[in-house]
Each structure stands twice: as structure tokens, then as C-alpha cells.
Amino acid sequence: MTRSKTIAILAVPGVQLLDVSGPLDVFAEANVQTGREVYRPVVIAVGHGHIRSSSGVRLVADYVIGDNIGAVDTLLVAGCPNAADIQPDAAMVAWLRSAAPAARRYGSVCSGAFLLAATGLLDGRRVTTHWAVADRLVEAYPGITVEADAIQVRDGQLRTAAGVTAGLDLALALVEEDLGHEIAMRVAGQLVMFFKRPGGQMQFSRKGEAAPAGRSALQEVQRWIAANPAVNHSVATLAQRMELSPRHFARLFRDEVGMTPAAWVEAARITAARHLLEEGHAPKQVAVECGFADADTLRRAFARQIGVTPAEYRKRHAKVHLGALENA
């Protein structure tokens, strides 16, 4: 790379500040590590004047859409907390339809995927976005394949990142594409960030936690399961609590709750396991207290739903230092 590559980030009113500043700091650090201006980071606004971010801090953009920016190497759309609820600006959508495909690569950070999806450029593509709005992106744009657990997704010319800090992961991956592994490692070290973040974003999500649903009698059964995860919760046992036949109970549960009793029981046990692991309890103990046959059964179910093993989850999310627990 002998010429500076323009990295343009589109920031809309109410933008999440870290969606902009995070990636730009990665590219700026790449310039430092190479000792030359490999990247030329710029911020683009929809209109003139300051851009007020979601935190209240105001940004001054380098350009406004429609300005002569020159050749853009990488164009990213930053997200904002209400991106799923706003009607994208028509002028911005038209500009993106033209500018994005003209760049060497383009994409979005966090909920910026909604703004980019409005252009139609994501139809038939694989993307990711913040786990909390992944389902809404699918509902709004059914032609898009959303990988809800991914930290970042690469699909040809398109690059997308999950929630907020994942913009740094995406930027680092782009630096590695351009400048190689060694420079990217040095950037990660200087910014004190994972070179490859372990696990997916669902380990940070509370979305999959079991919540009571359906008629009051069914909710009472679900609350009983959640309060007593170690108890035998077979369909026959649960049906007896409602004084129904197992077949009738299973059909009623599936119709009103939206999943089978077994699936809900597993989700409730995983929720209980997460809380115990966050308190620092060992996986073997958690397996017993949450109704899993053994630690291996817990590990398989936990990894399937959360994307990491119980041991990895405990290491990263325990509320107290594990050394203190082990020495207690």
C-alpha cells in the first residue's frame, strides 16, 4: 500500500460515539505502527452542523454526503441506539446506494446495519448486528441472513460488526487484511484489545433467558421450573402439576409458550447456570445444582446456547476474582 486509503465513517444524528471513534482509533494506530499514513480516516455527516451523539457529545464531520471526498477505500455506517425505529433519510439512502458499491469494501457497525439495509445492498447477504436487535433486522428485512452470534461477518465486499465495541474487532480485521498479521497484532497490543475475541456476542446477551409466558397456570409451572432447576422436570411430572395429560400439556405448552417443555427447561437451567457461574461456582457444582446429568452435559448445552464453555464463561464473567474464590 503506497497511497493513503480513505476510511470513511457515516455518522447520523444520535450516533453511538464508540461506533465512530473505536474503528478510527484502530486505523490511526495502524498508521503509528507502520510509521506512515496508510489510512486517512474521515467522518461524513448527513447534513451541515454538529452531529450530536447518543451520549450528548458533539462531533464535527469532515464532509457532508454529496461532497467530493475522493476515492473511498472503506465505507462504514455507524449505528445509533434507535436505528431500528427511525426512517432513514432519503438523501442518505440514495447516497449510500451509489457510494458503498464504489468503495473497495463497505459495511456497518452495530445497528448501522439497519441504515445500510434500507438501501437494499444487504439483500441476499450474510450480516451481523447487535444481538438485541438481530431479530428486528430479520423481521424488517427478511431477505438478509443475520448471524446473531457473530462478532463480525465478511461477505465479499461487505463487512459488518456486532454491537458497539465489535467495531474495533472489525477495524482490526481490516488492518490485518491490508497490512498483515504482525502489524494487526501490534495494533491490538497497543490498544489492549483481543486480537481475536474469544466466543461470540451471545455470551453477553440476556436475550435467551427463559421468561414465563402463556396462561397463568402455565406461567406458574414455568416459575416452578426456574426456582427448582435441579428437580426432575419431565413432561409427565409437569403435566401432573397442572392436572393434565402429558400429551395435552405438551401441546398446550408448545402452542402458548412457543417452544417445547424440554426446550424451556433447558433454557431455564442454562439461565440458572449463568448466574451461578457469574458467582464463581465451578462447572461441576453448577451441573448438579442446575439439573444436568453431569458437567459434560452442561458443557454441551451451554456451548450450544451461549457459544462458549461454562469454564470460559466463568473465567470472563465471574463477579469476583477466581483466585480469591479458590483460596477462600
Protein backbone atom coordinates (compact mmCIF):
# COMPACT_ATOMS: atom_id res chain seq x y z
CA MET A 1 0.00 0.00 0.00
CA THR A 2 1.76 3.15 -1.23
CA ARG A 3 -1.11 5.65 -1.07
CA SER A 4 -3.30 6.61 1.86
CA LYS A 5 -6.58 4.73 1.87
CA THR A 6 -9.61 6.80 2.83
CA ILE A 7 -11.63 5.20 5.62
CA ALA A 8 -15.00 6.96 5.74
CA ILE A 9 -17.49 6.51 8.56
CA LEU A 10 -21.01 7.83 8.11
CA ALA A 11 -22.36 9.23 11.39
CA VAL A 12 -26.07 10.04 11.65
CA PRO A 13 -27.69 12.22 14.32
CA GLY A 14 -27.76 10.32 17.62
CA VAL A 15 -24.83 8.13 16.58
CA GLN A 16 -23.20 5.84 19.13
CA LEU A 17 -19.89 7.61 19.68
CA LEU A 18 -17.81 4.44 20.05
CA ASP A 19 -19.12 3.14 16.72
CA VAL A 20 -17.19 6.02 15.18
CA SER A 21 -14.23 6.61 17.47
CA GLY A 22 -13.41 2.93 18.09
CA PRO A 23 -12.70 1.91 14.48
CA LEU A 24 -10.99 5.22 13.73
CA ASP A 25 -8.58 4.72 16.64
CA VAL A 26 -7.65 1.29 15.26
CA PHE A 27 -6.84 2.74 11.84
CA ALA A 28 -4.96 5.65 13.43
CA GLU A 29 -2.87 3.24 15.49
CA ALA A 30 -2.09 1.27 12.33
CA ASN A 31 -0.59 4.47 10.92
CA VAL A 32 1.54 4.79 14.06
CA GLN A 33 2.71 1.19 13.90
CA THR A 34 3.70 1.41 10.23
CA GLY A 35 5.28 4.84 10.60
CA ARG A 36 3.34 6.27 7.67
CA GLU A 37 -0.15 7.42 6.78
CA VAL A 38 -1.56 4.20 5.44
CA TYR A 39 -5.08 5.30 6.31
CA ARG A 40 -6.87 8.61 6.02
CA PRO A 41 -9.84 8.42 8.45
CA VAL A 42 -12.75 10.80 7.83
CA VAL A 43 -16.24 11.27 9.26
CA ILE A 44 -19.19 12.02 6.98
CA ALA A 45 -22.44 13.65 8.12
CA VAL A 46 -25.90 13.63 6.61
CA GLY A 47 -26.21 17.41 6.90
CA HIS A 48 -24.29 20.50 7.92
CA GLY A 49 -23.61 21.40 11.56
CA HIS A 50 -22.54 19.36 14.57
CA ILE A 51 -23.55 15.72 14.95
CA ARG A 52 -24.95 15.19 18.42
CA SER A 53 -24.14 11.67 19.58
CA SER A 54 -26.29 9.49 21.84
CA SER A 55 -24.05 10.42 24.78
CA GLY A 56 -24.56 14.13 24.12
CA VAL A 57 -21.03 14.72 22.85
CA ARG A 58 -20.97 16.55 19.54
CA LEU A 59 -18.89 15.60 16.51
CA VAL A 60 -17.66 17.84 13.71
CA ALA A 61 -17.69 15.91 10.44
CA ASP A 62 -15.03 16.24 7.78
CA TYR A 63 -17.55 16.03 4.95
CA VAL A 64 -21.27 16.02 4.22
CA ILE A 65 -22.86 13.47 1.89
CA GLY A 66 -22.58 14.76 -1.64
CA ASP A 67 -19.19 16.43 -1.07
CA ASN A 68 -16.28 15.44 -3.27
CA ILE A 69 -14.49 13.12 -0.87
CA GLY A 70 -12.33 11.46 -3.47
CA ALA A 71 -11.81 7.73 -3.79
CA VAL A 72 -13.11 5.88 -0.71
CA ASP A 73 -11.38 2.63 0.15
CA THR A 74 -13.66 1.59 3.02
CA LEU A 75 -17.08 3.00 3.88
CA LEU A 76 -18.69 2.07 7.20
CA VAL A 77 -22.07 3.13 8.58
CA ALA A 78 -22.08 3.72 12.32
CA GLY A 79 -25.12 2.77 14.39
CA CYS A 80 -27.32 4.66 16.81
CA PRO A 81 -29.47 3.35 19.69
CA ASN A 82 -32.75 3.96 17.86
CA ALA A 83 -31.66 2.84 14.39
CA ALA A 84 -34.30 0.09 14.33
CA ASP A 85 -37.07 2.67 14.88
CA ILE A 86 -36.12 5.56 12.60
CA GLN A 87 -36.98 6.17 8.99
CA PRO A 88 -33.65 6.54 7.18
CA ASP A 89 -33.07 9.88 5.46
CA ALA A 90 -33.90 9.54 1.74
CA ALA A 91 -30.88 11.54 0.63
CA MET A 92 -28.61 9.40 2.77
CA VAL A 93 -30.06 6.16 1.36
CA ALA A 94 -29.60 7.40 -2.21
CA TRP A 95 -26.02 8.44 -1.46
CA LEU A 96 -25.19 5.08 0.13
CA ARG A 97 -26.60 3.18 -2.84
CA SER A 98 -24.08 4.97 -5.01
CA ALA A 99 -21.09 5.40 -2.70
CA ALA A 100 -20.98 1.99 -0.98
CA PRO A 101 -20.59 -0.24 -4.07
CA ALA A 102 -17.99 2.19 -5.43
CA ALA A 103 -15.75 1.60 -2.41
CA ARG A 104 -13.35 -1.35 -2.25
CA ARG A 105 -15.33 -2.57 0.75
CA TYR A 106 -18.24 -1.29 2.78
CA GLY A 107 -20.29 -2.26 5.79
CA SER A 108 -21.75 -1.29 9.14
CA VAL A 109 -21.04 -1.20 12.84
CA CYS A 110 -23.70 -2.34 15.31
CA SER A 111 -27.20 -1.10 14.41
CA GLY A 112 -25.79 0.75 11.42
CA ALA A 113 -26.86 -2.41 9.60
CA PHE A 114 -30.44 -1.06 9.62
CA LEU A 115 -29.37 2.10 7.80
CA LEU A 116 -27.38 0.13 5.26
CA ALA A 117 -30.18 -2.42 4.84
CA ALA A 118 -32.55 0.37 3.77
CA THR A 119 -30.51 0.71 0.58
CA GLY A 120 -31.19 -2.88 -0.49
CA LEU A 121 -27.45 -3.57 -0.61
CA LEU A 122 -27.73 -6.24 2.08
CA ASP A 123 -30.41 -8.31 0.34
CA GLY A 124 -29.23 -11.88 -0.07
CA ARG A 125 -26.15 -11.22 2.06
CA ARG A 126 -24.88 -12.51 5.41
CA VAL A 127 -24.53 -9.86 8.13
CA THR A 128 -24.40 -9.37 11.86
CA THR A 129 -25.62 -6.63 14.18
CA HIS A 130 -26.15 -6.07 17.89
CA TRP A 131 -27.75 -9.18 19.43
CA ALA A 132 -30.59 -7.10 20.95
CA VAL A 133 -31.91 -6.02 17.53
CA ALA A 134 -30.93 -9.02 15.40
CA ASP A 135 -34.49 -10.38 15.29
CA ARG A 136 -35.86 -6.96 14.35
CA LEU A 137 -33.42 -6.74 11.45
CA VAL A 138 -34.64 -10.11 10.18
CA GLU A 139 -38.27 -9.00 10.53
CA ALA A 140 -37.70 -5.70 8.76
CA TYR A 141 -35.52 -7.17 6.00
CA PRO A 142 -36.33 -10.87 5.56
CA GLY A 143 -34.02 -11.13 2.55
CA ILE A 144 -30.98 -10.74 4.82
CA THR A 145 -29.31 -13.63 6.65
CA VAL A 146 -28.42 -12.38 10.14
CA GLU A 147 -25.75 -14.25 12.11
CA ALA A 148 -26.77 -13.08 15.57
CA ASP A 149 -23.87 -14.62 17.50
CA ALA A 150 -21.08 -13.40 15.22
CA ILE A 151 -18.73 -10.62 16.30
CA GLN A 152 -18.12 -9.75 12.66
CA VAL A 153 -19.12 -11.16 9.29
CA ARG A 154 -17.35 -10.93 5.95
CA ASP A 155 -19.39 -11.50 2.80
CA GLY A 156 -17.50 -10.50 -0.30
CA GLN A 157 -17.19 -6.71 -0.43
CA LEU A 158 -19.41 -6.41 2.64
CA ARG A 159 -18.19 -6.27 6.26
CA THR A 160 -20.47 -5.98 9.30
CA ALA A 161 -19.77 -5.86 13.04
CA ALA A 162 -21.90 -6.69 16.06
CA GLY A 163 -22.57 -4.38 19.00
CA VAL A 164 -20.54 -1.22 19.65
CA THR A 165 -17.07 -2.44 20.71
CA ALA A 166 -17.16 -5.03 17.91
CA GLY A 167 -16.38 -2.12 15.60
CA LEU A 168 -12.83 -2.31 16.94
CA ASP A 169 -12.70 -6.03 16.10
CA LEU A 170 -13.89 -5.29 12.58
CA ALA A 171 -11.37 -2.50 12.08
CA LEU A 172 -8.56 -4.73 13.33
CA ALA A 173 -9.59 -7.45 10.89
CA LEU A 174 -9.45 -4.89 8.06
CA VAL A 175 -5.97 -3.82 9.18
CA GLU A 176 -4.88 -7.46 9.10
CA GLU A 177 -6.29 -7.80 5.57
CA ASP A 178 -4.31 -4.78 4.43
CA LEU A 179 -1.10 -4.85 6.45
CA GLY A 180 -0.71 -8.40 7.68
CA HIS A 181 -0.79 -10.31 10.93
CA GLU A 182 2.22 -8.71 12.62
CA ILE A 183 1.01 -5.10 12.27
CA ALA A 184 -2.50 -6.08 13.40
CA MET A 185 -1.04 -7.84 16.45
CA ARG A 186 0.95 -4.73 17.33
CA VAL A 187 -2.15 -2.55 16.99
CA ALA A 188 -4.13 -4.90 19.25
CA GLY A 189 -1.35 -4.89 21.82
CA GLN A 190 -1.09 -1.11 21.87
CA LEU A 191 -4.87 -0.73 22.26
CA VAL A 192 -5.01 -3.54 24.85
CA MET A 193 -7.67 -5.49 22.98
CA PHE A 194 -8.13 -9.10 21.93
CA PHE A 195 -6.58 -9.88 18.56
CA LYS A 196 -9.35 -12.45 18.07
CA ARG A 197 -12.12 -12.08 20.63
CA PRO A 198 -12.98 -15.49 22.16
CA GLY A 199 -16.54 -16.68 21.62
CA GLY A 200 -19.47 -14.85 20.06
CA GLN A 201 -21.62 -11.98 21.26
CA MET A 202 -24.38 -14.17 22.73
CA GLN A 203 -22.23 -14.70 25.84
CA PHE A 204 -23.03 -11.04 26.64
CA SER A 205 -26.73 -11.38 25.84
CA ARG A 206 -29.62 -11.98 28.22
CA LYS A 207 -31.95 -12.50 25.30
CA GLY A 208 -32.14 -16.27 25.57
CA GLU A 209 -33.13 -16.29 29.23
CA ALA A 210 -36.34 -18.18 29.88
CA ALA A 211 -39.27 -15.90 30.78
CA PRO A 212 -42.76 -17.12 31.77
CA ALA A 213 -45.36 -16.95 29.01
CA GLY A 214 -48.84 -18.23 28.27
CA ARG A 215 -51.82 -18.55 30.61
CA SER A 216 -51.34 -18.05 34.35
CA ALA A 217 -51.31 -21.78 35.15
CA LEU A 218 -48.52 -22.34 32.61
CA GLN A 219 -46.56 -19.40 33.96
CA GLU A 220 -46.83 -20.87 37.43
CA VAL A 221 -45.30 -24.10 36.13
CA GLN A 222 -42.51 -22.13 34.45
CA ARG A 223 -41.77 -20.22 37.63
CA TRP A 224 -41.59 -23.55 39.48
CA ILE A 225 -39.05 -24.84 36.93
CA ALA A 226 -36.92 -21.69 37.20
CA ALA A 227 -36.96 -21.80 41.01
CA ASN A 228 -36.10 -25.50 41.11
CA PRO A 229 -33.80 -26.25 38.16
CA ALA A 230 -32.32 -29.40 39.73
CA VAL A 231 -35.71 -31.14 40.08
CA ASN A 232 -36.92 -33.72 37.56
CA HIS A 233 -38.98 -31.76 35.03
CA SER A 234 -40.26 -34.45 32.71
CA VAL A 235 -43.40 -33.75 30.70
CA ALA A 236 -45.30 -36.25 32.85
CA THR A 237 -44.22 -34.54 36.08
CA LEU A 238 -45.04 -31.05 34.82
CA ALA A 239 -48.37 -32.18 33.40
CA GLN A 240 -49.31 -33.61 36.77
CA ARG A 241 -48.82 -30.18 38.36
CA MET A 242 -51.50 -28.82 36.01
CA GLU A 243 -53.65 -31.93 36.33
CA LEU A 244 -53.47 -32.53 32.57
CA SER A 245 -52.46 -35.50 30.47
CA PRO A 246 -48.83 -35.34 29.26
CA ARG A 247 -49.97 -35.11 25.64
CA HIS A 248 -52.43 -32.26 26.31
CA PHE A 249 -49.89 -30.43 28.46
CA ALA A 250 -47.12 -30.69 25.86
CA ARG A 251 -49.42 -29.41 23.09
CA LEU A 252 -50.74 -26.54 25.24
CA PHE A 253 -47.23 -25.55 26.32
CA ARG A 254 -45.90 -25.52 22.78
CA ASP A 255 -48.89 -23.52 21.46
CA GLU A 256 -48.81 -20.84 24.16
CA VAL A 257 -45.12 -20.61 25.05
CA GLY A 258 -43.69 -21.15 21.59
CA MET A 259 -41.31 -23.99 22.45
CA THR A 260 -41.45 -27.49 23.84
CA PRO A 261 -41.37 -28.06 27.61
CA ALA A 262 -37.94 -29.70 27.25
CA ALA A 263 -36.52 -26.69 25.43
CA TRP A 264 -37.89 -24.32 28.07
CA VAL A 265 -36.47 -26.45 30.88
CA GLU A 266 -33.03 -26.42 29.26
CA ALA A 267 -33.19 -22.64 28.75
CA ALA A 268 -34.18 -22.16 32.40
CA ARG A 269 -31.32 -24.38 33.55
CA ILE A 270 -28.85 -22.50 31.36
CA THR A 271 -30.09 -19.22 32.87
CA ALA A 272 -29.58 -20.60 36.37
CA ALA A 273 -26.15 -21.91 35.37
CA ARG A 274 -25.08 -18.50 34.09
CA HIS A 275 -25.98 -16.86 37.39
CA LEU A 276 -24.05 -19.47 39.39
CA LEU A 277 -21.02 -19.23 37.11
CA GLU A 278 -21.08 -15.45 37.47
CA GLU A 279 -20.95 -16.00 41.23
CA GLY A 280 -17.80 -18.07 40.67
CA HIS A 281 -19.16 -21.60 41.22
CA ALA A 282 -17.30 -24.43 39.50
CA PRO A 283 -18.95 -26.10 36.45
CA LYS A 284 -19.24 -29.50 38.21
CA GLN A 285 -21.13 -27.91 41.09
CA VAL A 286 -23.27 -25.89 38.69
CA ALA A 287 -24.21 -29.03 36.74
CA VAL A 288 -25.53 -30.67 39.91
CA GLU A 289 -27.41 -27.59 41.14
CA CYS A 290 -29.00 -26.91 37.76
CA GLY A 291 -30.26 -30.38 36.95
CA PHE A 292 -27.74 -31.52 34.33
CA ALA A 293 -26.70 -35.17 34.35
CA ASP A 294 -23.03 -34.25 34.61
CA ALA A 295 -20.55 -31.47 33.78
CA ASP A 296 -20.16 -32.72 30.21
CA THR A 297 -23.91 -32.49 29.58
CA LEU A 298 -23.84 -28.92 30.94
CA ARG A 299 -20.86 -28.09 28.76
CA ARG A 300 -22.54 -29.26 25.56
CA ALA A 301 -25.84 -27.48 26.28
CA PHE A 302 -24.10 -24.31 27.45
CA ALA A 303 -21.81 -24.12 24.42
CA ARG A 304 -24.75 -24.72 22.10
CA GLN A 305 -26.82 -21.88 23.56
CA ILE A 306 -24.18 -19.39 24.72
CA GLY A 307 -21.32 -20.09 22.34
CA VAL A 308 -18.62 -20.70 24.97
CA THR A 309 -18.00 -23.40 27.55
CA PRO A 310 -19.05 -22.93 31.20
CA ALA A 311 -15.40 -22.72 32.25
CA GLU A 312 -14.69 -19.99 29.71
CA TYR A 313 -17.83 -18.12 30.72
CA ARG A 314 -16.92 -18.31 34.41
CA LYS A 315 -13.40 -17.06 33.69
CA ARG A 316 -14.65 -13.99 31.85
CA HIS A 317 -17.82 -13.11 33.74
CA ALA A 318 -17.32 -14.10 37.39
CA LYS A 319 -18.13 -11.15 39.67
CA VAL A 320 -15.17 -11.82 41.96
CA HIS A 321 -11.61 -12.82 41.19
CA LEU A 322 -11.44 -16.58 40.79
CA GLY A 323 -8.19 -16.76 42.76
CA ALA A 324 -9.96 -15.31 45.79
CA LEU A 325 -12.68 -17.95 45.49
CA GLU A 326 -10.19 -20.79 45.17
CA ASN A 327 -8.23 -19.58 48.21
CA ALA A 328 -11.34 -18.96 50.34
